[in-house]
Amino acid sequence: MTVRNINQSFWSSKQLPYLTVRSTFHSRQSYKQHSHSELSLGLIMQGTTCLSMDGETLILNQASGVFIQPHKVHACNPVRNHPRSYLMLYLDNQWCCDILSALYGYSVDKFVCDIRLVSASKTLALSVLLNELIENERPEQALKVESLLFELICGHCSPQRVEASDTLCATLKKRLLADITNPPSLKDLALELDRSQEGLIRHFKQHFGITPKAFVNNHRIEKAKLLLKSGINIVDVAIEVGFSDQSQLHRAFVNYAACTPRQYQHLTSIFDNNF
């Protein structure tokens, strides 16, 4: 099979200018080692593929998802020449850095994928949303895709800092993001991880440059922005991101975004209508 004969297509949209999607169906095509300048996310829809990267071999089955860092050399090949279908997402690096900058509270210009594999449930959810969006580019569908991509970037990527990877900080970050509406208290995390609360705060800040509390609040505000942009009622947004009421969201939003939730929703609505 030659590349010309592969059943594949590329998709991009003004609604999500940072994203390009390559859809490939029933392909047995092998690829030599290569890299992408963007962050890439592979979603296996059917069949099995073999990913070779960093001297390791990983078998990806249906509903598997995997992040590949920018400029990371890798190869993806069929298993026993069986066909596979997949989506490859190419995400603009600056968009990813902007998300992480907002989340961590300082300028991020490089990042790493400290958790490569994406859960089957999120892989399937994103595949369905993308296929629906490609067929019918509705603004509300684009926002659903953007919201899920935001969650994935926050959960799987971190700023690239001088320090080596840190298992404790990666675990702490994962626990904090597991349920943003009701994250575990530092007291409970300290008991779970057999550390003092002060030690956890200090260790997290040394590694990520931000305290756990500020990290959670930044994530809530960034998620709230996406929900406000989609037109959801401010009271419902507050509950959705873990604030006790609208006034608590209002105070946090002003502190972190320098405007009120209503002002942000109004401004983004004007922008979208003029786009």
C-alpha atoms as a PDB file:
ATOM      1  CA  MET A   1       0.000   0.000   0.000  1.00  0.00           C
ATOM      2  CA  THR A   2       1.308   3.460  -0.917  1.00  0.00           C
ATOM      3  CA  VAL A   3       0.513   6.664   0.973  1.00  0.00           C
ATOM      4  CA  ARG A   4      -1.569   7.804  -1.990  1.00  0.00           C
ATOM      5  CA  ASN A   5      -3.911   4.832  -1.530  1.00  0.00           C
ATOM      6  CA  ILE A   6      -4.455   5.324   2.202  1.00  0.00           C
ATOM      7  CA  ASN A   7      -8.000   6.333   3.170  1.00  0.00           C
ATOM      8  CA  GLN A   8      -7.218   9.424   5.203  1.00  0.00           C
ATOM      9  CA  SER A   9      -8.143  13.090   5.463  1.00  0.00           C
ATOM     10  CA  PHE A  10      -7.048  16.241   7.265  1.00  0.00           C
ATOM     11  CA  TRP A  11      -9.370  18.617   9.099  1.00  0.00           C
ATOM     12  CA  SER A  12      -8.957  22.049  10.639  1.00  0.00           C
ATOM     13  CA  SER A  13     -11.373  24.812  11.570  1.00  0.00           C
ATOM     14  CA  LYS A  14     -11.371  28.520  12.411  1.00  0.00           C
ATOM     15  CA  GLN A  15     -13.295  27.592  15.545  1.00  0.00           C
ATOM     16  CA  LEU A  16     -10.293  25.631  16.872  1.00  0.00           C
ATOM     17  CA  PRO A  17      -7.325  27.223  15.073  1.00  0.00           C
ATOM     18  CA  TYR A  18      -4.756  25.458  17.269  1.00  0.00           C
ATOM     19  CA  LEU A  19      -5.922  21.966  16.211  1.00  0.00           C
ATOM     20  CA  THR A  20      -5.372  19.819  13.125  1.00  0.00           C
ATOM     21  CA  VAL A  21      -6.860  16.321  12.916  1.00  0.00           C
ATOM     22  CA  ARG A  22      -5.725  13.522  10.618  1.00  0.00           C
ATOM     23  CA  SER A  23      -8.267  10.711  10.233  1.00  0.00           C
ATOM     24  CA  THR A  24      -6.883   7.410   8.908  1.00  0.00           C
ATOM     25  CA  PHE A  25      -9.014   4.344   8.198  1.00  0.00           C
ATOM     26  CA  HIS A  26      -8.077   0.669   7.730  1.00  0.00           C
ATOM     27  CA  SER A  27      -4.420   1.398   7.090  1.00  0.00           C
ATOM     28  CA  ARG A  28      -1.544  -1.090   7.060  1.00  0.00           C
ATOM     29  CA  GLN A  29       0.979   1.635   6.291  1.00  0.00           C
ATOM     30  CA  SER A  30       4.219   1.512   8.295  1.00  0.00           C
ATOM     31  CA  TYR A  31       6.130   4.639   9.261  1.00  0.00           C
ATOM     32  CA  LYS A  32       9.822   5.069   9.889  1.00  0.00           C
ATOM     33  CA  GLN A  33      11.042   6.923  12.954  1.00  0.00           C
ATOM     34  CA  HIS A  34       9.913  10.529  12.806  1.00  0.00           C
ATOM     35  CA  SER A  35       8.826  13.427  15.002  1.00  0.00           C
ATOM     36  CA  HIS A  36       6.259  16.238  14.953  1.00  0.00           C
ATOM     37  CA  SER A  37       6.909  19.861  15.808  1.00  0.00           C
ATOM     38  CA  GLU A  38       3.545  20.017  17.615  1.00  0.00           C
ATOM     39  CA  LEU A  39       2.190  18.104  20.585  1.00  0.00           C
ATOM     40  CA  SER A  40       0.420  15.083  19.100  1.00  0.00           C
ATOM     41  CA  LEU A  41      -2.292  12.875  20.524  1.00  0.00           C
ATOM     42  CA  GLY A  42      -3.102   9.521  18.930  1.00  0.00           C
ATOM     43  CA  LEU A  43      -6.540   7.939  19.389  1.00  0.00           C
ATOM     44  CA  ILE A  44      -6.937   4.316  18.245  1.00  0.00           C
ATOM     45  CA  MET A  45     -10.465   3.731  16.926  1.00  0.00           C
ATOM     46  CA  GLN A  46     -10.059   0.204  15.529  1.00  0.00           C
ATOM     47  CA  GLY A  47      -7.341  -2.414  15.431  1.00  0.00           C
ATOM     48  CA  THR A  48      -3.926  -2.397  17.087  1.00  0.00           C
ATOM     49  CA  THR A  49      -0.772  -0.387  16.524  1.00  0.00           C
ATOM     50  CA  CYS A  50       2.768  -0.630  17.860  1.00  0.00           C
ATOM     51  CA  LEU A  51       4.360   2.550  19.196  1.00  0.00           C
ATOM     52  CA  SER A  52       8.162   2.631  19.492  1.00  0.00           C
ATOM     53  CA  MET A  53       9.551   5.515  21.535  1.00  0.00           C
ATOM     54  CA  ASP A  54      12.411   6.132  23.990  1.00  0.00           C
ATOM     55  CA  GLY A  55      13.700   2.601  23.441  1.00  0.00           C
ATOM     56  CA  GLU A  56      10.379   1.080  24.494  1.00  0.00           C
ATOM     57  CA  THR A  57       7.618  -0.675  22.585  1.00  0.00           C
ATOM     58  CA  LEU A  58       4.001  -0.081  23.472  1.00  0.00           C
ATOM     59  CA  ILE A  59       1.022  -1.959  22.008  1.00  0.00           C
ATOM     60  CA  LEU A  60      -2.009   0.296  21.646  1.00  0.00           C
ATOM     61  CA  ASN A  61      -5.420  -1.323  21.225  1.00  0.00           C
ATOM     62  CA  GLN A  62      -8.853   0.044  20.367  1.00  0.00           C
ATOM     63  CA  ALA A  63      -9.805   2.973  22.655  1.00  0.00           C
ATOM     64  CA  SER A  64      -6.163   3.588  23.555  1.00  0.00           C
ATOM     65  CA  GLY A  65      -4.898   7.167  23.555  1.00  0.00           C
ATOM     66  CA  VAL A  66      -1.321   8.406  23.834  1.00  0.00           C
ATOM     67  CA  PHE A  67       0.409  11.794  23.998  1.00  0.00           C
ATOM     68  CA  ILE A  68       3.682  12.327  22.126  1.00  0.00           C
ATOM     69  CA  GLN A  69       5.760  15.353  23.056  1.00  0.00           C
ATOM     70  CA  PRO A  70       6.885  17.836  20.393  1.00  0.00           C
ATOM     71  CA  HIS A  71      10.057  16.720  18.581  1.00  0.00           C
ATOM     72  CA  LYS A  72       9.943  13.284  20.263  1.00  0.00           C
ATOM     73  CA  VAL A  73      11.248  10.655  17.829  1.00  0.00           C
ATOM     74  CA  HIS A  74       8.864   7.705  17.492  1.00  0.00           C
ATOM     75  CA  ALA A  75       7.413   5.166  15.050  1.00  0.00           C
ATOM     76  CA  CYS A  76       3.865   3.778  14.762  1.00  0.00           C
ATOM     77  CA  ASN A  77       3.389   0.534  12.856  1.00  0.00           C
ATOM     78  CA  PRO A  78       0.670  -2.089  12.367  1.00  0.00           C
ATOM     79  CA  VAL A  79       0.807  -5.319  14.353  1.00  0.00           C
ATOM     80  CA  ARG A  80       1.174  -8.433  12.139  1.00  0.00           C
ATOM     81  CA  ASN A  81       0.175  -6.263   9.174  1.00  0.00           C
ATOM     82  CA  HIS A  82      -3.403  -5.952  10.444  1.00  0.00           C
ATOM     83  CA  PRO A  83      -5.237  -2.738   9.494  1.00  0.00           C
ATOM     84  CA  ARG A  84      -5.967  -0.069  12.094  1.00  0.00           C
ATOM     85  CA  SER A  85      -7.993   3.131  12.153  1.00  0.00           C
ATOM     86  CA  TYR A  86      -7.009   6.121  14.212  1.00  0.00           C
ATOM     87  CA  LEU A  87      -7.153   9.867  14.721  1.00  0.00           C
ATOM     88  CA  MET A  88      -3.983  11.926  15.094  1.00  0.00           C
ATOM     89  CA  LEU A  89      -4.422  15.305  16.727  1.00  0.00           C
ATOM     90  CA  TYR A  90      -1.747  17.968  16.271  1.00  0.00           C
ATOM     91  CA  LEU A  91      -1.985  20.688  18.928  1.00  0.00           C
ATOM     92  CA  ASP A  92      -0.239  24.034  18.605  1.00  0.00           C
ATOM     93  CA  ASN A  93       2.532  24.273  21.203  1.00  0.00           C
ATOM     94  CA  GLN A  94       1.793  27.896  22.081  1.00  0.00           C
ATOM     95  CA  TRP A  95      -1.835  27.064  22.852  1.00  0.00           C
ATOM     96  CA  CYS A  96      -0.654  24.310  25.198  1.00  0.00           C
ATOM     97  CA  CYS A  97       1.861  26.688  26.822  1.00  0.00           C
ATOM     98  CA  ASP A  98      -0.867  29.314  27.287  1.00  0.00           C
ATOM     99  CA  ILE A  99      -3.045  26.789  29.140  1.00  0.00           C
ATOM    100  CA  LEU A 100      -0.160  25.733  31.375  1.00  0.00           C
ATOM    101  CA  SER A 101       0.876  29.362  31.972  1.00  0.00           C
ATOM    102  CA  ALA A 102      -2.629  30.162  33.199  1.00  0.00           C
ATOM    103  CA  LEU A 103      -2.737  26.988  35.292  1.00  0.00           C
ATOM    104  CA  TYR A 104       0.632  27.411  37.000  1.00  0.00           C
ATOM    105  CA  GLY A 105       0.662  31.197  37.242  1.00  0.00           C
ATOM    106  CA  TYR A 106       3.901  31.914  35.374  1.00  0.00           C
ATOM    107  CA  SER A 107       5.090  31.988  31.769  1.00  0.00           C
ATOM    108  CA  VAL A 108       5.593  28.490  30.341  1.00  0.00           C
ATOM    109  CA  ASP A 109       7.484  28.112  27.060  1.00  0.00           C
ATOM    110  CA  LYS A 110       8.258  24.376  27.169  1.00  0.00           C
ATOM    111  CA  PHE A 111       6.387  21.418  28.583  1.00  0.00           C
ATOM    112  CA  VAL A 112       6.600  17.672  29.063  1.00  0.00           C
ATOM    113  CA  CYS A 113       3.992  14.904  28.998  1.00  0.00           C
ATOM    114  CA  ASP A 114       4.444  13.290  32.396  1.00  0.00           C
ATOM    115  CA  ILE A 115       1.454  10.993  31.817  1.00  0.00           C
ATOM    116  CA  ARG A 116       1.453   9.592  28.271  1.00  0.00           C
ATOM    117  CA  LEU A 117      -1.525   7.269  28.213  1.00  0.00           C
ATOM    118  CA  VAL A 118      -5.089   8.555  28.064  1.00  0.00           C
ATOM    119  CA  SER A 119      -7.908   6.562  29.653  1.00  0.00           C
ATOM    120  CA  ALA A 120     -10.213   4.560  27.382  1.00  0.00           C
ATOM    121  CA  SER A 121     -13.265   6.579  28.483  1.00  0.00           C
ATOM    122  CA  LYS A 122     -11.673   9.915  27.529  1.00  0.00           C
ATOM    123  CA  THR A 123     -10.242   8.472  24.312  1.00  0.00           C
ATOM    124  CA  LEU A 124     -13.701   7.291  23.254  1.00  0.00           C
ATOM    125  CA  ALA A 125     -15.380  10.529  24.346  1.00  0.00           C
ATOM    126  CA  LEU A 126     -12.916  12.673  22.399  1.00  0.00           C
ATOM    127  CA  SER A 127     -13.143  10.435  19.314  1.00  0.00           C
ATOM    128  CA  VAL A 128     -16.942  10.731  19.269  1.00  0.00           C
ATOM    129  CA  LEU A 129     -16.875  14.505  19.787  1.00  0.00           C
ATOM    130  CA  LEU A 130     -14.296  15.009  17.027  1.00  0.00           C
ATOM    131  CA  ASN A 131     -16.120  12.838  14.504  1.00  0.00           C
ATOM    132  CA  GLU A 132     -19.351  14.737  15.209  1.00  0.00           C
ATOM    133  CA  LEU A 133     -17.551  18.085  14.904  1.00  0.00           C
ATOM    134  CA  ILE A 134     -15.881  17.125  11.629  1.00  0.00           C
ATOM    135  CA  GLU A 135     -19.271  16.199  10.160  1.00  0.00           C
ATOM    136  CA  ASN A 136     -21.053  19.290  11.489  1.00  0.00           C
ATOM    137  CA  GLU A 137     -19.010  22.258  12.704  1.00  0.00           C
ATOM    138  CA  ARG A 138     -21.346  23.591  15.362  1.00  0.00           C
ATOM    139  CA  PRO A 139     -19.932  26.114  17.889  1.00  0.00           C
ATOM    140  CA  GLU A 140     -21.312  24.183  20.872  1.00  0.00           C
ATOM    141  CA  GLN A 141     -19.612  21.021  19.632  1.00  0.00           C
ATOM    142  CA  ALA A 142     -16.319  22.870  19.205  1.00  0.00           C
ATOM    143  CA  LEU A 143     -16.537  24.072  22.809  1.00  0.00           C
ATOM    144  CA  LYS A 144     -17.070  20.510  24.032  1.00  0.00           C
ATOM    145  CA  VAL A 145     -13.924  19.419  22.187  1.00  0.00           C
ATOM    146  CA  GLU A 146     -11.974  22.383  23.560  1.00  0.00           C
ATOM    147  CA  SER A 147     -13.148  21.657  27.104  1.00  0.00           C
ATOM    148  CA  LEU A 148     -12.011  18.034  26.944  1.00  0.00           C
ATOM    149  CA  LEU A 149      -8.669  18.975  25.364  1.00  0.00           C
ATOM    150  CA  PHE A 150      -8.175  21.502  28.156  1.00  0.00           C
ATOM    151  CA  GLU A 151      -8.748  18.789  30.768  1.00  0.00           C
ATOM    152  CA  LEU A 152      -6.304  16.461  29.018  1.00  0.00           C
ATOM    153  CA  ILE A 153      -3.553  19.081  28.756  1.00  0.00           C
ATOM    154  CA  CYS A 154      -3.957  19.985  32.431  1.00  0.00           C
ATOM    155  CA  GLY A 155      -3.861  16.369  33.532  1.00  0.00           C
ATOM    156  CA  HIS A 156      -1.129  15.008  31.271  1.00  0.00           C
ATOM    157  CA  CYS A 157       1.302  17.893  30.717  1.00  0.00           C
ATOM    158  CA  SER A 158       3.481  19.975  33.020  1.00  0.00           C
ATOM    159  CA  PRO A 159       5.945  22.840  32.558  1.00  0.00           C
ATOM    160  CA  GLN A 160       9.418  21.659  31.625  1.00  0.00           C
ATOM    161  CA  ARG A 161      11.654  22.742  34.485  1.00  0.00           C
ATOM    162  CA  VAL A 162      15.286  22.075  35.300  1.00  0.00           C
ATOM    163  CA  GLU A 163      14.421  19.500  37.943  1.00  0.00           C
ATOM    164  CA  ALA A 164      14.045  15.852  37.005  1.00  0.00           C
ATOM    165  CA  SER A 165      10.612  14.230  37.020  1.00  0.00           C
ATOM    166  CA  ASP A 166       9.183  13.849  40.500  1.00  0.00           C
ATOM    167  CA  THR A 167       6.894  10.928  41.310  1.00  0.00           C
ATOM    168  CA  LEU A 168       5.535  12.539  44.474  1.00  0.00           C
ATOM    169  CA  CYS A 169       4.570  15.757  42.690  1.00  0.00           C
ATOM    170  CA  ALA A 170       3.060  13.844  39.773  1.00  0.00           C
ATOM    171  CA  THR A 171       0.938  11.830  42.235  1.00  0.00           C
ATOM    172  CA  LEU A 172      -0.115  14.956  44.111  1.00  0.00           C
ATOM    173  CA  LYS A 173      -1.081  16.725  40.893  1.00  0.00           C
ATOM    174  CA  LYS A 174      -3.105  13.717  39.733  1.00  0.00           C
ATOM    175  CA  ARG A 175      -4.973  13.525  43.050  1.00  0.00           C
ATOM    176  CA  LEU A 176      -5.774  17.248  42.997  1.00  0.00           C
ATOM    177  CA  LEU A 177      -7.193  17.061  39.463  1.00  0.00           C
ATOM    178  CA  ALA A 178      -9.118  13.806  39.949  1.00  0.00           C
ATOM    179  CA  ASP A 179     -12.182  15.677  41.220  1.00  0.00           C
ATOM    180  CA  ILE A 180     -11.771  19.415  40.886  1.00  0.00           C
ATOM    181  CA  THR A 181     -15.186  20.046  42.465  1.00  0.00           C
ATOM    182  CA  ASN A 182     -14.105  18.353  45.683  1.00  0.00           C
ATOM    183  CA  PRO A 183     -10.326  17.842  45.772  1.00  0.00           C
ATOM    184  CA  PRO A 184      -8.837  16.069  48.785  1.00  0.00           C
ATOM    185  CA  SER A 185      -7.624  18.287  51.609  1.00  0.00           C
ATOM    186  CA  LEU A 186      -3.919  18.725  52.211  1.00  0.00           C
ATOM    187  CA  LYS A 187      -4.428  17.036  55.560  1.00  0.00           C
ATOM    188  CA  ASP A 188      -5.823  13.920  53.876  1.00  0.00           C
ATOM    189  CA  LEU A 189      -3.119  13.981  51.198  1.00  0.00           C
ATOM    190  CA  ALA A 190      -0.411  14.301  53.831  1.00  0.00           C
ATOM    191  CA  LEU A 191      -1.737  11.212  55.612  1.00  0.00           C
ATOM    192  CA  GLU A 192      -2.113   9.311  52.335  1.00  0.00           C
ATOM    193  CA  LEU A 193       1.403  10.170  51.145  1.00  0.00           C
ATOM    194  CA  ASP A 194       3.036   9.985  54.585  1.00  0.00           C
ATOM    195  CA  ARG A 195       4.299  13.564  54.450  1.00  0.00           C
ATOM    196  CA  SER A 196       3.661  16.711  56.456  1.00  0.00           C
ATOM    197  CA  GLN A 197       1.294  19.301  54.984  1.00  0.00           C
ATOM    198  CA  GLU A 198       4.068  21.905  55.000  1.00  0.00           C
ATOM    199  CA  GLY A 199       6.404  19.450  53.294  1.00  0.00           C
ATOM    200  CA  LEU A 200       3.882  18.744  50.530  1.00  0.00           C
ATOM    201  CA  ILE A 201       3.319  22.454  49.890  1.00  0.00           C
ATOM    202  CA  ARG A 202       7.036  23.175  49.810  1.00  0.00           C
ATOM    203  CA  HIS A 203       7.851  20.182  47.593  1.00  0.00           C
ATOM    204  CA  PHE A 204       5.027  20.965  45.132  1.00  0.00           C
ATOM    205  CA  LYS A 205       6.020  24.624  44.883  1.00  0.00           C
ATOM    206  CA  GLN A 206       9.699  23.794  44.410  1.00  0.00           C
ATOM    207  CA  HIS A 207       8.849  21.474  41.524  1.00  0.00           C
ATOM    208  CA  PHE A 208       5.985  23.336  39.823  1.00  0.00           C
ATOM    209  CA  GLY A 209       6.564  26.913  41.008  1.00  0.00           C
ATOM    210  CA  ILE A 210       3.065  27.200  42.520  1.00  0.00           C
ATOM    211  CA  THR A 211       1.290  26.055  45.691  1.00  0.00           C
ATOM    212  CA  PRO A 212      -1.286  23.238  45.513  1.00  0.00           C
ATOM    213  CA  LYS A 213      -4.085  25.653  46.516  1.00  0.00           C
ATOM    214  CA  ALA A 214      -3.219  28.177  43.791  1.00  0.00           C
ATOM    215  CA  PHE A 215      -2.888  25.318  41.284  1.00  0.00           C
ATOM    216  CA  VAL A 216      -6.424  24.102  42.041  1.00  0.00           C
ATOM    217  CA  ASN A 217      -7.880  27.627  41.919  1.00  0.00           C
ATOM    218  CA  ASN A 218      -6.171  28.372  38.596  1.00  0.00           C
ATOM    219  CA  HIS A 219      -7.601  25.163  37.145  1.00  0.00           C
ATOM    220  CA  ARG A 220     -11.085  26.057  38.380  1.00  0.00           C
ATOM    221  CA  ILE A 221     -10.931  29.516  36.840  1.00  0.00           C
ATOM    222  CA  GLU A 222      -9.664  28.255  33.483  1.00  0.00           C
ATOM    223  CA  LYS A 223     -12.393  25.614  33.380  1.00  0.00           C
ATOM    224  CA  ALA A 224     -14.954  28.251  34.378  1.00  0.00           C
ATOM    225  CA  LYS A 225     -13.871  30.371  31.393  1.00  0.00           C
ATOM    226  CA  LEU A 226     -14.679  27.534  29.021  1.00  0.00           C
ATOM    227  CA  LEU A 227     -18.069  26.963  30.625  1.00  0.00           C
ATOM    228  CA  LEU A 228     -18.909  30.678  30.591  1.00  0.00           C
ATOM    229  CA  LYS A 229     -17.908  30.834  26.939  1.00  0.00           C
ATOM    230  CA  SER A 230     -20.402  28.065  26.200  1.00  0.00           C
ATOM    231  CA  GLY A 231     -23.226  30.164  27.699  1.00  0.00           C
ATOM    232  CA  ILE A 232     -23.823  28.196  30.899  1.00  0.00           C
ATOM    233  CA  ASN A 233     -25.479  30.110  33.738  1.00  0.00           C
ATOM    234  CA  ILE A 234     -22.956  31.626  36.175  1.00  0.00           C
ATOM    235  CA  VAL A 235     -24.553  29.927  39.189  1.00  0.00           C
ATOM    236  CA  ASP A 236     -24.241  26.540  37.481  1.00  0.00           C
ATOM    237  CA  VAL A 237     -20.648  27.289  36.471  1.00  0.00           C
ATOM    238  CA  ALA A 238     -19.757  27.992  40.111  1.00  0.00           C
ATOM    239  CA  ILE A 239     -21.102  24.598  41.181  1.00  0.00           C
ATOM    240  CA  GLU A 240     -19.531  22.800  38.213  1.00  0.00           C
ATOM    241  CA  VAL A 241     -16.005  23.952  39.085  1.00  0.00           C
ATOM    242  CA  GLY A 242     -16.294  23.426  42.851  1.00  0.00           C
ATOM    243  CA  PHE A 243     -17.165  26.812  44.333  1.00  0.00           C
ATOM    244  CA  SER A 244     -19.826  26.900  47.025  1.00  0.00           C
ATOM    245  CA  ASP A 245     -21.800  29.713  45.393  1.00  0.00           C
ATOM    246  CA  GLN A 246     -21.737  32.450  42.754  1.00  0.00           C
ATOM    247  CA  SER A 247     -20.134  35.011  45.066  1.00  0.00           C
ATOM    248  CA  GLN A 248     -17.168  32.722  45.776  1.00  0.00           C
ATOM    249  CA  LEU A 249     -16.658  32.238  42.035  1.00  0.00           C
ATOM    250  CA  HIS A 250     -16.949  36.001  41.555  1.00  0.00           C
ATOM    251  CA  ARG A 251     -14.211  36.762  44.115  1.00  0.00           C
ATOM    252  CA  ALA A 252     -11.852  34.105  42.758  1.00  0.00           C
ATOM    253  CA  PHE A 253     -12.487  35.127  39.143  1.00  0.00           C
ATOM    254  CA  VAL A 254     -11.686  38.778  39.880  1.00  0.00           C
ATOM    255  CA  ASN A 255      -8.500  37.769  41.725  1.00  0.00           C
ATOM    256  CA  TYR A 256      -7.249  35.443  38.982  1.00  0.00           C
ATOM    257  CA  ALA A 257      -8.740  36.897  35.781  1.00  0.00           C
ATOM    258  CA  ALA A 258      -9.037  40.618  36.651  1.00  0.00           C
ATOM    259  CA  CYS A 259     -12.675  40.734  35.536  1.00  0.00           C
ATOM    260  CA  THR A 260     -16.005  39.388  36.727  1.00  0.00           C
ATOM    261  CA  PRO A 261     -17.542  36.170  35.352  1.00  0.00           C
ATOM    262  CA  ARG A 262     -20.379  38.200  33.799  1.00  0.00           C
ATOM    263  CA  GLN A 263     -17.946  40.586  32.106  1.00  0.00           C
ATOM    264  CA  TYR A 264     -15.962  37.646  30.723  1.00  0.00           C
ATOM    265  CA  GLN A 265     -19.089  35.906  29.429  1.00  0.00           C
ATOM    266  CA  HIS A 266     -20.329  39.108  27.808  1.00  0.00           C
ATOM    267  CA  LEU A 267     -16.984  39.895  26.156  1.00  0.00           C
ATOM    268  CA  THR A 268     -16.499  36.388  24.758  1.00  0.00           C
ATOM    269  CA  SER A 269     -20.071  36.403  23.456  1.00  0.00           C
ATOM    270  CA  ILE A 270     -19.393  39.663  21.571  1.00  0.00           C
ATOM    271  CA  PHE A 271     -16.150  38.230  20.182  1.00  0.00           C
ATOM    272  CA  ASP A 272     -17.818  35.014  19.002  1.00  0.00           C
ATOM    273  CA  ASN A 273     -20.654  36.908  17.327  1.00  0.00           C
ATOM    274  CA  ASN A 274     -18.195  39.112  15.445  1.00  0.00           C
ATOM    275  CA  PHE A 275     -15.867  36.270  14.441  1.00  0.00           C
END
